[in-house]
């Protein structure tokens, strides 16, 4: 699907990843519900209008409620992101949130191997 990204897309994606991680660290305590959330990847559309943000959440059993909370606070994250990147981009990308469950998958395989 999004196999190759331009250098600009990659730079913008890395910047968005850093900024969202920082926003969550500073202002996200209320809606992270006491979990550890990591921004694992960001993919930006070619027109830079959309950003798919992938999160890893620990503990895994709280994934659904944290993703729901992030979705409810999408407006806040987008507004804060806009304050940070307004000099680089004309339009603040629409944020789409996805769960990156690769760590959960690794943990599951690990526990199966130990049995």
C-alpha atoms as a PDB file:
ATOM      1  CA  UNK A   1       0.000   0.000   0.000  1.00  0.00           C
ATOM      2  CA  UNK A   2       2.364   2.748   1.198  1.00  0.00           C
ATOM      3  CA  UNK A   3       5.575   1.024   0.214  1.00  0.00           C
ATOM      4  CA  UNK A   4       7.688   4.012  -0.679  1.00  0.00           C
ATOM      5  CA  UNK A   5       7.461   7.386   0.928  1.00  0.00           C
ATOM      6  CA  UNK A   6       9.240  10.469  -0.288  1.00  0.00           C
ATOM      7  CA  UNK A   7      12.003  11.949   1.837  1.00  0.00           C
ATOM      8  CA  UNK A   8       9.686  14.823   2.745  1.00  0.00           C
ATOM      9  CA  UNK A   9       6.958  12.415   3.880  1.00  0.00           C
ATOM     10  CA  UNK A  10       9.492  10.549   6.021  1.00  0.00           C
ATOM     11  CA  UNK A  11      10.797  13.760   7.607  1.00  0.00           C
ATOM     12  CA  UNK A  12       7.290  15.021   8.356  1.00  0.00           C
ATOM     13  CA  UNK A  13       6.341  11.580   9.754  1.00  0.00           C
ATOM     14  CA  UNK A  14       9.364  11.547  12.085  1.00  0.00           C
ATOM     15  CA  UNK A  15       8.582  15.082  13.236  1.00  0.00           C
ATOM     16  CA  UNK A  16       4.934  14.198  13.935  1.00  0.00           C
ATOM     17  CA  UNK A  17       6.057  11.066  15.805  1.00  0.00           C
ATOM     18  CA  UNK A  18       8.398  13.099  18.038  1.00  0.00           C
ATOM     19  CA  UNK A  19       5.822  15.827  18.626  1.00  0.00           C
ATOM     20  CA  UNK A  20       2.949  13.482  19.497  1.00  0.00           C
ATOM     21  CA  UNK A  21       5.196  11.512  21.856  1.00  0.00           C
ATOM     22  CA  UNK A  22       6.185  14.765  23.561  1.00  0.00           C
ATOM     23  CA  UNK A  23       2.572  15.991  23.769  1.00  0.00           C
ATOM     24  CA  UNK A  24       1.504  12.683  25.342  1.00  0.00           C
ATOM     25  CA  UNK A  25       4.381  12.849  27.793  1.00  0.00           C
ATOM     26  CA  UNK A  26       3.590  16.412  28.887  1.00  0.00           C
ATOM     27  CA  UNK A  27      -0.193  16.671  28.598  1.00  0.00           C
ATOM     28  CA  UNK A  28      -1.493  13.157  28.051  1.00  0.00           C
ATOM     29  CA  UNK A  29      -1.598  11.801  31.582  1.00  0.00           C
ATOM     30  CA  UNK A  30      -5.343  12.433  31.880  1.00  0.00           C
ATOM     31  CA  UNK A  31      -6.288  10.334  28.879  1.00  0.00           C
ATOM     32  CA  UNK A  32      -3.539   7.668  28.955  1.00  0.00           C
ATOM     33  CA  UNK A  33      -5.251   6.158  32.012  1.00  0.00           C
ATOM     34  CA  UNK A  34      -2.047   5.240  33.815  1.00  0.00           C
ATOM     35  CA  UNK A  35      -0.678   3.128  30.954  1.00  0.00           C
ATOM     36  CA  UNK A  36       2.590   3.340  29.074  1.00  0.00           C
ATOM     37  CA  UNK A  37       1.956   4.487  25.504  1.00  0.00           C
ATOM     38  CA  UNK A  38       4.610   4.589  22.798  1.00  0.00           C
ATOM     39  CA  UNK A  39       4.246   6.144  19.360  1.00  0.00           C
ATOM     40  CA  UNK A  40       5.814   3.379  17.267  1.00  0.00           C
ATOM     41  CA  UNK A  41       5.291   4.631  13.711  1.00  0.00           C
ATOM     42  CA  UNK A  42       3.725   7.470  11.764  1.00  0.00           C
ATOM     43  CA  UNK A  43       2.835   7.229   8.080  1.00  0.00           C
ATOM     44  CA  UNK A  44       1.916  10.376   6.170  1.00  0.00           C
ATOM     45  CA  UNK A  45      -0.187  10.495   3.002  1.00  0.00           C
ATOM     46  CA  UNK A  46       1.491  11.855  -0.167  1.00  0.00           C
ATOM     47  CA  UNK A  47      -0.488  15.124   0.098  1.00  0.00           C
ATOM     48  CA  UNK A  48       0.452  15.391   3.820  1.00  0.00           C
ATOM     49  CA  UNK A  49      -3.253  15.718   4.721  1.00  0.00           C
ATOM     50  CA  UNK A  50      -3.463  12.493   6.747  1.00  0.00           C
ATOM     51  CA  UNK A  51      -1.185  10.916   9.315  1.00  0.00           C
ATOM     52  CA  UNK A  52      -1.643   7.355  10.517  1.00  0.00           C
ATOM     53  CA  UNK A  53      -0.263   7.140  14.032  1.00  0.00           C
ATOM     54  CA  UNK A  54       0.530   3.708  15.469  1.00  0.00           C
ATOM     55  CA  UNK A  55       0.607   3.225  19.232  1.00  0.00           C
ATOM     56  CA  UNK A  56       1.949   0.458  21.419  1.00  0.00           C
ATOM     57  CA  UNK A  57       0.180   0.265  24.785  1.00  0.00           C
ATOM     58  CA  UNK A  58       1.288  -1.471  27.968  1.00  0.00           C
ATOM     59  CA  UNK A  59      -0.331  -3.245  29.762  1.00  0.00           C
ATOM     60  CA  UNK A  60      -1.920  -4.916  26.740  1.00  0.00           C
ATOM     61  CA  UNK A  61      -5.255  -5.614  28.421  1.00  0.00           C
ATOM     62  CA  UNK A  62      -6.017  -1.864  28.481  1.00  0.00           C
ATOM     63  CA  UNK A  63      -5.580  -1.405  24.691  1.00  0.00           C
ATOM     64  CA  UNK A  64      -9.256  -0.836  23.889  1.00  0.00           C
ATOM     65  CA  UNK A  65      -9.955   1.771  26.570  1.00  0.00           C
ATOM     66  CA  UNK A  66      -6.743   3.720  25.867  1.00  0.00           C
ATOM     67  CA  UNK A  67      -7.364   3.726  22.095  1.00  0.00           C
ATOM     68  CA  UNK A  68     -10.918   4.960  22.766  1.00  0.00           C
ATOM     69  CA  UNK A  69      -9.557   7.684  25.032  1.00  0.00           C
ATOM     70  CA  UNK A  70      -6.978   8.735  22.413  1.00  0.00           C
ATOM     71  CA  UNK A  71      -9.716   8.863  19.778  1.00  0.00           C
ATOM     72  CA  UNK A  72     -11.886  11.073  22.023  1.00  0.00           C
ATOM     73  CA  UNK A  73      -8.913  13.418  22.489  1.00  0.00           C
ATOM     74  CA  UNK A  74      -7.911  13.435  18.820  1.00  0.00           C
ATOM     75  CA  UNK A  75      -8.926  17.106  18.559  1.00  0.00           C
ATOM     76  CA  UNK A  76      -6.611  18.024  21.448  1.00  0.00           C
ATOM     77  CA  UNK A  77      -3.628  16.141  19.990  1.00  0.00           C
ATOM     78  CA  UNK A  78      -4.215  17.655  16.555  1.00  0.00           C
ATOM     79  CA  UNK A  79      -4.467  21.168  18.023  1.00  0.00           C
ATOM     80  CA  UNK A  80      -1.261  20.749  20.035  1.00  0.00           C
ATOM     81  CA  UNK A  81       0.489  19.251  16.999  1.00  0.00           C
ATOM     82  CA  UNK A  82      -0.680  22.221  14.937  1.00  0.00           C
ATOM     83  CA  UNK A  83       0.974  24.634  17.358  1.00  0.00           C
ATOM     84  CA  UNK A  84       4.279  22.814  16.865  1.00  0.00           C
ATOM     85  CA  UNK A  85       4.328  22.239  13.095  1.00  0.00           C
ATOM     86  CA  UNK A  86       2.450  25.292  11.814  1.00  0.00           C
ATOM     87  CA  UNK A  87       5.670  26.773  10.413  1.00  0.00           C
ATOM     88  CA  UNK A  88       6.491  23.616   8.409  1.00  0.00           C
ATOM     89  CA  UNK A  89       3.069  22.684   7.013  1.00  0.00           C
ATOM     90  CA  UNK A  90       0.146  24.671   5.619  1.00  0.00           C
ATOM     91  CA  UNK A  91      -2.406  22.139   6.847  1.00  0.00           C
ATOM     92  CA  UNK A  92      -2.222  20.122  10.062  1.00  0.00           C
ATOM     93  CA  UNK A  93      -2.803  16.505   9.025  1.00  0.00           C
ATOM     94  CA  UNK A  94      -5.919  14.623  10.115  1.00  0.00           C
ATOM     95  CA  UNK A  95      -4.783  12.083  12.697  1.00  0.00           C
ATOM     96  CA  UNK A  96      -5.861   8.466  12.448  1.00  0.00           C
ATOM     97  CA  UNK A  97      -4.970   6.192  15.351  1.00  0.00           C
ATOM     98  CA  UNK A  98      -4.067   2.522  15.080  1.00  0.00           C
ATOM     99  CA  UNK A  99      -2.915  -0.068  17.559  1.00  0.00           C
ATOM    100  CA  UNK A 100       0.533  -1.537  16.977  1.00  0.00           C
ATOM    101  CA  UNK A 101       0.201  -4.921  18.634  1.00  0.00           C
ATOM    102  CA  UNK A 102       3.589  -6.300  17.566  1.00  0.00           C
ATOM    103  CA  UNK A 103       4.910  -6.167  21.148  1.00  0.00           C
ATOM    104  CA  UNK A 104       1.857  -8.058  22.379  1.00  0.00           C
ATOM    105  CA  UNK A 105       2.425 -10.601  19.619  1.00  0.00           C
ATOM    106  CA  UNK A 106       6.084 -11.013  20.640  1.00  0.00           C
ATOM    107  CA  UNK A 107       5.084 -11.365  24.293  1.00  0.00           C
ATOM    108  CA  UNK A 108       2.505 -14.007  23.377  1.00  0.00           C
ATOM    109  CA  UNK A 109       5.032 -16.019  21.329  1.00  0.00           C
ATOM    110  CA  UNK A 110       7.550 -15.706  24.149  1.00  0.00           C
ATOM    111  CA  UNK A 111       5.092 -17.090  26.724  1.00  0.00           C
ATOM    112  CA  UNK A 112       4.144 -19.945  24.368  1.00  0.00           C
ATOM    113  CA  UNK A 113       7.801 -20.873  23.934  1.00  0.00           C
ATOM    114  CA  UNK A 114       8.322 -20.941  27.703  1.00  0.00           C
ATOM    115  CA  UNK A 115       5.510 -23.483  28.197  1.00  0.00           C
END
